[in-house]
PDB file of N, CA and C in Angstrom:
ATOM      1  N   MET A   1     100.201 184.216   9.489  1.00  0.00           N
ATOM      2  CA  MET A   1      99.955 185.196   8.454  1.00  0.00           C
ATOM      3  C   MET A   1     101.158 186.131   8.363  1.00  0.00           C
ATOM      4  N   THR A   2     101.529 186.490   7.157  1.00  0.00           N
ATOM      5  CA  THR A   2     102.623 187.431   6.960  1.00  0.00           C
ATOM      6  C   THR A   2     102.180 188.529   6.010  1.00  0.00           C
ATOM      7  N   GLY A   3     102.953 189.588   5.949  1.00  0.00           N
ATOM      8  CA  GLY A   3     102.649 190.670   5.022  1.00  0.00           C
ATOM      9  C   GLY A   3     101.848 191.776   5.672  1.00  0.00           C
ATOM     10  N   TYR A   4     100.843 192.248   4.931  1.00  0.00           N
ATOM     11  CA  TYR A   4     100.034 193.376   5.364  1.00  0.00           C
ATOM     12  C   TYR A   4      98.566 192.994   5.439  1.00  0.00           C
ATOM     13  N   ILE A   5      97.828 193.704   6.297  1.00  0.00           N
ATOM     14  CA  ILE A   5      96.399 193.481   6.465  1.00  0.00           C
ATOM     15  C   ILE A   5      95.681 194.724   5.955  1.00  0.00           C
ATOM     16  N   ALA A   6      94.700 194.527   5.069  1.00  0.00           N
ATOM     17  CA  ALA A   6      93.983 195.643   4.457  1.00  0.00           C
ATOM     18  C   ALA A   6      92.907 196.188   5.378  1.00  0.00           C
ATOM     19  N   GLU A   7      92.849 197.513   5.472  1.00  0.00           N
ATOM     20  CA  GLU A   7      91.784 198.206   6.180  1.00  0.00           C
ATOM     21  C   GLU A   7      91.119 199.143   5.182  1.00  0.00           C
ATOM     22  N   VAL A   8      89.865 198.898   4.871  1.00  0.00           N
ATOM     23  CA  VAL A   8      89.156 199.708   3.885  1.00  0.00           C
ATOM     24  C   VAL A   8      88.858 201.079   4.477  1.00  0.00           C
ATOM     25  N   ASN A   9      89.140 202.118   3.710  1.00  0.00           N
ATOM     26  CA  ASN A   9      88.862 203.492   4.110  1.00  0.00           C
ATOM     27  C   ASN A   9      87.447 203.836   3.650  1.00  0.00           C
ATOM     28  N   ILE A  10      86.516 203.969   4.591  1.00  0.00           N
ATOM     29  CA  ILE A  10      85.123 204.207   4.216  1.00  0.00           C
ATOM     30  C   ILE A  10      84.909 205.585   3.596  1.00  0.00           C
ATOM     31  N   ASN A  11      85.889 206.488   3.751  1.00  0.00           N
ATOM     32  CA  ASN A  11      85.776 207.827   3.174  1.00  0.00           C
ATOM     33  C   ASN A  11      86.303 207.907   1.748  1.00  0.00           C
ATOM     34  N   SER A  12      86.868 206.828   1.245  1.00  0.00           N
ATOM     35  CA  SER A  12      87.436 206.839  -0.102  1.00  0.00           C
ATOM     36  C   SER A  12      87.144 205.520  -0.790  1.00  0.00           C
ATOM     37  N   SER A  13      86.625 205.602  -2.003  1.00  0.00           N
ATOM     38  CA  SER A  13      86.295 204.380  -2.742  1.00  0.00           C
ATOM     39  C   SER A  13      87.503 203.793  -3.463  1.00  0.00           C
ATOM     40  N   ASN A  14      88.599 204.544  -3.541  1.00  0.00           N
ATOM     41  CA  ASN A  14      89.766 204.042  -4.271  1.00  0.00           C
ATOM     42  C   ASN A  14      91.030 203.964  -3.424  1.00  0.00           C
ATOM     43  N   SER A  15      90.891 203.996  -2.091  1.00  0.00           N
ATOM     44  CA  SER A  15      92.056 203.983  -1.217  1.00  0.00           C
ATOM     45  C   SER A  15      91.886 202.943  -0.115  1.00  0.00           C
ATOM     46  N   ILE A  16      92.936 202.156   0.113  1.00  0.00           N
ATOM     47  CA  ILE A  16      92.951 201.152   1.170  1.00  0.00           C
ATOM     48  C   ILE A  16      94.258 201.318   1.940  1.00  0.00           C
ATOM     49  N   THR A  17      94.179 201.311   3.277  1.00  0.00           N
ATOM     50  CA  THR A  17      95.382 201.351   4.105  1.00  0.00           C
ATOM     51  C   THR A  17      95.806 199.922   4.408  1.00  0.00           C
ATOM     52  N   LEU A  18      97.077 199.629   4.180  1.00  0.00           N
ATOM     53  CA  LEU A  18      97.639 198.312   4.460  1.00  0.00           C
ATOM     54  C   LEU A  18      98.516 198.433   5.707  1.00  0.00           C
ATOM     55  N   LYS A  19      98.170 197.712   6.770  1.00  0.00           N
ATOM     56  CA  LYS A  19      98.945 197.750   8.014  1.00  0.00           C
ATOM     57  C   LYS A  19      99.777 196.488   8.132  1.00  0.00           C
ATOM     58  N   LYS A  20     101.023 196.659   8.521  1.00  0.00           N
ATOM     59  CA  LYS A  20     101.939 195.531   8.628  1.00  0.00           C
ATOM     60  C   LYS A  20     101.468 194.560   9.704  1.00  0.00           C
ATOM     61  N   SER A  21     101.414 193.296   9.354  1.00  0.00           N
ATOM     62  CA  SER A  21     101.018 192.248  10.293  1.00  0.00           C
ATOM     63  C   SER A  21     102.109 192.058  11.344  1.00  0.00           C
ATOM     64  N   ALA A  22     101.682 191.765  12.568  1.00  0.00           N
ATOM     65  CA  ALA A  22     102.646 191.534  13.655  1.00  0.00           C
ATOM     66  C   ALA A  22     103.539 190.332  13.361  1.00  0.00           C
ATOM     67  N   SER A  23     103.054 189.374  12.571  1.00  0.00           N
ATOM     68  CA  SER A  23     103.836 188.177  12.257  1.00  0.00           C
ATOM     69  C   SER A  23     104.613 188.312  10.950  1.00  0.00           C
ATOM     70  N   SER A  24     104.612 189.501  10.372  1.00  0.00           N
ATOM     71  CA  SER A  24     105.314 189.720   9.114  1.00  0.00           C
ATOM     72  C   SER A  24     106.830 189.713   9.332  1.00  0.00           C
ATOM     73  N   PRO A  25     107.569 189.065   8.450  1.00  0.00           N
ATOM     74  CA  PRO A  25     109.033 189.075   8.587  1.00  0.00           C
ATOM     75  C   PRO A  25     109.600 190.442   8.217  1.00  0.00           C
ATOM     76  N   LYS A  26     110.815 190.702   8.619  1.00  0.00           N
ATOM     77  CA  LYS A  26     111.496 191.947   8.256  1.00  0.00           C
ATOM     78  C   LYS A  26     111.733 191.981   6.748  1.00  0.00           C
ATOM     79  N   ASN A  27     111.724 193.187   6.195  1.00  0.00           N
ATOM     80  CA  ASN A  27     111.997 193.384   4.778  1.00  0.00           C
ATOM     81  C   ASN A  27     113.494 193.140   4.529  1.00  0.00           C
ATOM     82  N   PRO A  28     113.855 192.156   3.703  1.00  0.00           N
ATOM     83  CA  PRO A  28     115.280 191.886   3.467  1.00  0.00           C
ATOM     84  C   PRO A  28     115.931 192.900   2.517  1.00  0.00           C
ATOM     85  N   PHE A  29     115.136 193.772   1.902  1.00  0.00           N
ATOM     86  CA  PHE A  29     115.656 194.694   0.891  1.00  0.00           C
ATOM     87  C   PHE A  29     115.794 196.127   1.380  1.00  0.00           C
ATOM     88  N   GLY A  30     115.382 196.412   2.609  1.00  0.00           N
ATOM     89  CA  GLY A  30     115.488 197.790   3.094  1.00  0.00           C
ATOM     90  C   GLY A  30     114.536 198.066   4.236  1.00  0.00           C
ATOM     91  N   GLN A  31     114.089 199.307   4.306  1.00  0.00           N
ATOM     92  CA  GLN A  31     113.254 199.792   5.400  1.00  0.00           C
ATOM     93  C   GLN A  31     111.888 199.102   5.436  1.00  0.00           C
ATOM     94  N   ASP A  32     111.435 198.795   6.643  1.00  0.00           N
ATOM     95  CA  ASP A  32     110.076 198.299   6.848  1.00  0.00           C
ATOM     96  C   ASP A  32     109.140 199.494   7.013  1.00  0.00           C
ATOM     97  N   PHE A  33     107.935 199.370   6.504  1.00  0.00           N
ATOM     98  CA  PHE A  33     106.931 200.412   6.652  1.00  0.00           C
ATOM     99  C   PHE A  33     105.748 199.825   7.409  1.00  0.00           C
ATOM    100  N   ASP A  34     105.300 200.520   8.457  1.00  0.00           N
ATOM    101  CA  ASP A  34     104.171 200.042   9.250  1.00  0.00           C
ATOM    102  C   ASP A  34     102.856 200.143   8.493  1.00  0.00           C
ATOM    103  N   GLU A  35     102.729 201.185   7.646  1.00  0.00           N
ATOM    104  CA  GLU A  35     101.501 201.367   6.877  1.00  0.00           C
ATOM    105  C   GLU A  35     101.821 201.748   5.436  1.00  0.00           C
ATOM    106  N   LEU A  36     101.081 201.164   4.528  1.00  0.00           N
ATOM    107  CA  LEU A  36     101.150 201.512   3.114  1.00  0.00           C
ATOM    108  C   LEU A  36      99.766 201.967   2.677  1.00  0.00           C
ATOM    109  N   VAL A  37      99.713 202.804   1.655  1.00  0.00           N
ATOM    110  CA  VAL A  37      98.440 203.243   1.096  1.00  0.00           C
ATOM    111  C   VAL A  37      98.346 202.719  -0.332  1.00  0.00           C
ATOM    112  N   PHE A  38      97.298 201.945  -0.589  1.00  0.00           N
ATOM    113  CA  PHE A  38      97.014 201.404  -1.917  1.00  0.00           C
ATOM    114  C   PHE A  38      95.921 202.266  -2.528  1.00  0.00           C
ATOM    115  N   GLN A  39      96.154 202.805  -3.724  1.00  0.00           N
ATOM    116  CA  GLN A  39      95.150 203.602  -4.426  1.00  0.00           C
ATOM    117  C   GLN A  39      95.043 203.110  -5.861  1.00  0.00           C
ATOM    118  N   SER A  40      93.837 203.189  -6.384  1.00  0.00           N
ATOM    119  CA  SER A  40      93.637 202.813  -7.784  1.00  0.00           C
ATOM    120  C   SER A  40      92.720 203.823  -8.456  1.00  0.00           C
ATOM    121  N   THR A  41      92.984 204.061  -9.737  1.00  0.00           N
ATOM    122  CA  THR A  41      92.186 204.980 -10.539  1.00  0.00           C
ATOM    123  C   THR A  41      91.988 204.369 -11.908  1.00  0.00           C
ATOM    124  N   GLU A  42      90.737 204.379 -12.378  1.00  0.00           N
ATOM    125  CA  GLU A  42      90.463 203.881 -13.730  1.00  0.00           C
ATOM    126  C   GLU A  42      90.821 204.965 -14.732  1.00  0.00           C
ATOM    127  N   ILE A  43      91.537 204.564 -15.774  1.00  0.00           N
ATOM    128  CA  ILE A  43      91.906 205.468 -16.858  1.00  0.00           C
ATOM    129  C   ILE A  43      91.406 204.804 -18.139  1.00  0.00           C
ATOM    130  N   GLY A  44      90.217 205.184 -18.569  1.00  0.00           N
ATOM    131  CA  GLY A  44      89.611 204.526 -19.727  1.00  0.00           C
ATOM    132  C   GLY A  44      89.393 203.063 -19.405  1.00  0.00           C
ATOM    133  N   SER A  45      89.968 202.189 -20.220  1.00  0.00           N
ATOM    134  CA  SER A  45      89.847 200.757 -19.964  1.00  0.00           C
ATOM    135  C   SER A  45      91.029 200.224 -19.159  1.00  0.00           C
ATOM    136  N   GLY A  46      91.899 201.119 -18.718  1.00  0.00           N
ATOM    137  CA  GLY A  46      93.066 200.713 -17.936  1.00  0.00           C
ATOM    138  C   GLY A  46      92.900 201.039 -16.462  1.00  0.00           C
ATOM    139  N   LEU A  47      93.900 200.659 -15.683  1.00  0.00           N
ATOM    140  CA  LEU A  47      93.877 200.886 -14.245  1.00  0.00           C
ATOM    141  C   LEU A  47      95.248 201.375 -13.801  1.00  0.00           C
ATOM    142  N   PHE A  48      95.277 202.500 -13.085  1.00  0.00           N
ATOM    143  CA  PHE A  48      96.510 203.030 -12.518  1.00  0.00           C
ATOM    144  C   PHE A  48      96.538 202.642 -11.046  1.00  0.00           C
ATOM    145  N   VAL A  49      97.597 201.975 -10.604  1.00  0.00           N
ATOM    146  CA  VAL A  49      97.721 201.503  -9.228  1.00  0.00           C
ATOM    147  C   VAL A  49      98.938 202.165  -8.586  1.00  0.00           C
ATOM    148  N   SER A  50      98.756 202.643  -7.351  1.00  0.00           N
ATOM    149  CA  SER A  50      99.843 203.254  -6.601  1.00  0.00           C
ATOM    150  C   SER A  50      99.889 202.626  -5.213  1.00  0.00           C
ATOM    151  N   ILE A  51     101.073 202.195  -4.784  1.00  0.00           N
ATOM    152  CA  ILE A  51     101.284 201.696  -3.424  1.00  0.00           C
ATOM    153  C   ILE A  51     102.482 202.461  -2.869  1.00  0.00           C
ATOM    154  N   ALA A  52     102.251 203.215  -1.772  1.00  0.00           N
ATOM    155  CA  ALA A  52     103.310 204.047  -1.206  1.00  0.00           C
ATOM    156  C   ALA A  52     103.193 204.053   0.314  1.00  0.00           C
ATOM    157  N   PRO A  53     104.309 204.292   1.011  1.00  0.00           N
ATOM    158  CA  PRO A  53     104.240 204.411   2.469  1.00  0.00           C
ATOM    159  C   PRO A  53     103.297 205.549   2.859  1.00  0.00           C
ATOM    160  N   LYS A  54     102.537 205.354   3.931  1.00  0.00           N
ATOM    161  CA  LYS A  54     101.598 206.385   4.395  1.00  0.00           C
ATOM    162  C   LYS A  54     102.370 207.641   4.764  1.00  0.00           C
ATOM    163  N   GLY A  55     101.876 208.792   4.326  1.00  0.00           N
ATOM    164  CA  GLY A  55     102.512 210.068   4.615  1.00  0.00           C
ATOM    165  C   GLY A  55     103.540 210.493   3.589  1.00  0.00           C
ATOM    166  N   VAL A  56     103.859 209.616   2.643  1.00  0.00           N
ATOM    167  CA  VAL A  56     104.814 209.951   1.593  1.00  0.00           C
ATOM    168  C   VAL A  56     104.037 210.379   0.360  1.00  0.00           C
ATOM    169  N   VAL A  57     104.352 211.555  -0.157  1.00  0.00           N
ATOM    170  CA  VAL A  57     103.689 212.039  -1.361  1.00  0.00           C
ATOM    171  C   VAL A  57     104.458 211.502  -2.563  1.00  0.00           C
ATOM    172  N   SER A  58     103.774 210.723  -3.393  1.00  0.00           N
ATOM    173  CA  SER A  58     104.446 210.182  -4.571  1.00  0.00           C
ATOM    174  C   SER A  58     104.188 211.080  -5.766  1.00  0.00           C
ATOM    175  N   THR A  59     105.146 211.145  -6.659  1.00  0.00           N
ATOM    176  CA  THR A  59     105.009 211.926  -7.876  1.00  0.00           C
ATOM    177  C   THR A  59     104.641 210.974  -8.996  1.00  0.00           C
ATOM    178  N   ASN A  60     103.479 211.184  -9.567  1.00  0.00           N
ATOM    179  CA  ASN A  60     103.030 210.343 -10.666  1.00  0.00           C
ATOM    180  C   ASN A  60     103.508 210.915 -11.983  1.00  0.00           C
ATOM    181  N   LYS A  61     103.967 210.053 -12.835  1.00  0.00           N
ATOM    182  CA  LYS A  61     104.399 210.479 -14.155  1.00  0.00           C
ATOM    183  C   LYS A  61     103.164 210.759 -15.006  1.00  0.00           C
ATOM    184  N   PRO A  62     103.261 211.684 -15.971  1.00  0.00           N
ATOM    185  CA  PRO A  62     102.096 211.986 -16.806  1.00  0.00           C
ATOM    186  C   PRO A  62     101.660 210.766 -17.618  1.00  0.00           C
ATOM    187  N   VAL A  63     100.372 210.645 -17.783  1.00  0.00           N
ATOM    188  CA  VAL A  63      99.794 209.544 -18.540  1.00  0.00           C
ATOM    189  C   VAL A  63      99.093 210.141 -19.744  1.00  0.00           C
ATOM    190  N   TYR A  64      99.266 209.563 -20.894  1.00  0.00           N
ATOM    191  CA  TYR A  64      98.551 210.027 -22.067  1.00  0.00           C
ATOM    192  C   TYR A  64      97.818 208.851 -22.692  1.00  0.00           C
ATOM    193  N   GLN A  65      96.764 209.175 -23.409  1.00  0.00           N
ATOM    194  CA  GLN A  65      95.957 208.143 -24.037  1.00  0.00           C
ATOM    195  C   GLN A  65      96.334 208.060 -25.509  1.00  0.00           C
ATOM    196  N   CYS A  66      96.605 206.858 -25.974  1.00  0.00           N
ATOM    197  CA  CYS A  66      96.951 206.632 -27.367  1.00  0.00           C
ATOM    198  C   CYS A  66      95.686 206.309 -28.151  1.00  0.00           C
ATOM    199  N   ARG A  67      95.641 206.819 -29.338  1.00  0.00           N
ATOM    200  CA  ARG A  67      94.558 206.455 -30.253  1.00  0.00           C
ATOM    201  C   ARG A  67      95.120 205.449 -31.240  1.00  0.00           C
ATOM    202  N   SER A  68      94.303 204.524 -31.670  1.00  0.00           N
ATOM    203  CA  SER A  68      94.780 203.479 -32.578  1.00  0.00           C
ATOM    204  C   SER A  68      95.341 204.068 -33.866  1.00  0.00           C
ATOM    205  N   GLN A  69      94.830 205.235 -34.311  1.00  0.00           N
ATOM    206  CA  GLN A  69      95.339 205.823 -35.547  1.00  0.00           C
ATOM    207  C   GLN A  69      96.720 206.476 -35.363  1.00  0.00           C
ATOM    208  N   ASP A  70      97.191 206.579 -34.098  1.00  0.00           N
ATOM    209  CA  ASP A  70      98.517 207.137 -33.845  1.00  0.00           C
ATOM    210  C   ASP A  70      99.629 206.146 -34.199  1.00  0.00           C
ATOM    211  N   PHE A  71      99.285 204.887 -34.394  1.00  0.00           N
ATOM    212  CA  PHE A  71     100.280 203.847 -34.631  1.00  0.00           C
ATOM    213  C   PHE A  71      99.929 203.068 -35.891  1.00  0.00           C
ATOM    214  N   SER A  72     100.928 202.568 -36.543  1.00  0.00           N
ATOM    215  CA  SER A  72     100.679 201.703 -37.692  1.00  0.00           C
ATOM    216  C   SER A  72     101.589 200.496 -37.622  1.00  0.00           C
ATOM    217  N   MET A  73     101.105 199.384 -38.107  1.00  0.00           N
ATOM    218  CA  MET A  73     101.911 198.176 -38.187  1.00  0.00           C
ATOM    219  C   MET A  73     101.998 197.792 -39.659  1.00  0.00           C
ATOM    220  N   GLY A  74     103.149 197.978 -40.224  1.00  0.00           N
ATOM    221  CA  GLY A  74     103.363 197.598 -41.620  1.00  0.00           C
ATOM    222  C   GLY A  74     104.320 196.442 -41.684  1.00  0.00           C
ATOM    223  N   GLU A  75     104.789 196.151 -42.885  1.00  0.00           N
ATOM    224  CA  GLU A  75     105.739 195.058 -43.052  1.00  0.00           C
ATOM    225  C   GLU A  75     107.024 195.301 -42.265  1.00  0.00           C
ATOM    226  N   GLU A  76     107.348 196.592 -42.057  1.00  0.00           N
ATOM    227  CA  GLU A  76     108.570 196.921 -41.333  1.00  0.00           C
ATOM    228  C   GLU A  76     108.388 196.827 -39.831  1.00  0.00           C
ATOM    229  N   GLY A  77     107.174 196.577 -39.337  1.00  0.00           N
ATOM    230  CA  GLY A  77     106.912 196.430 -37.914  1.00  0.00           C
ATOM    231  C   GLY A  77     106.304 197.673 -37.319  1.00  0.00           C
ATOM    232  N   TYR A  78     106.469 197.832 -36.037  1.00  0.00           N
ATOM    233  CA  TYR A  78     105.888 198.944 -35.279  1.00  0.00           C
ATOM    234  C   TYR A  78     106.450 200.267 -35.780  1.00  0.00           C
ATOM    235  N   ASN A  79     105.560 201.231 -36.034  1.00  0.00           N
ATOM    236  CA  ASN A  79     105.992 202.531 -36.534  1.00  0.00           C
ATOM    237  C   ASN A  79     105.105 203.615 -35.929  1.00  0.00           C
ATOM    238  N   PRO A  80     105.541 204.231 -34.829  1.00  0.00           N
ATOM    239  CA  PRO A  80     104.693 205.280 -34.202  1.00  0.00           C
ATOM    240  C   PRO A  80     104.613 206.521 -35.045  1.00  0.00           C
TER     241      PRO A  80
END
């Protein structure tokens, strides 16, 4: 087995801790992280997913909801 092993956090319905497997290969692109935190949040009919090293505070970019009347598709194509 390689990669990470999921540990469900019973105190949170949208957070899972991923622990690095002992048989996982080294990361060829940079630093290895022993633990990652996977979080998900439903946004209307969409899903926001965040995966970050444990203990690192990530900055989420603002999300806005589009209404279908905000956009039009005419002969000229997409026109916000």
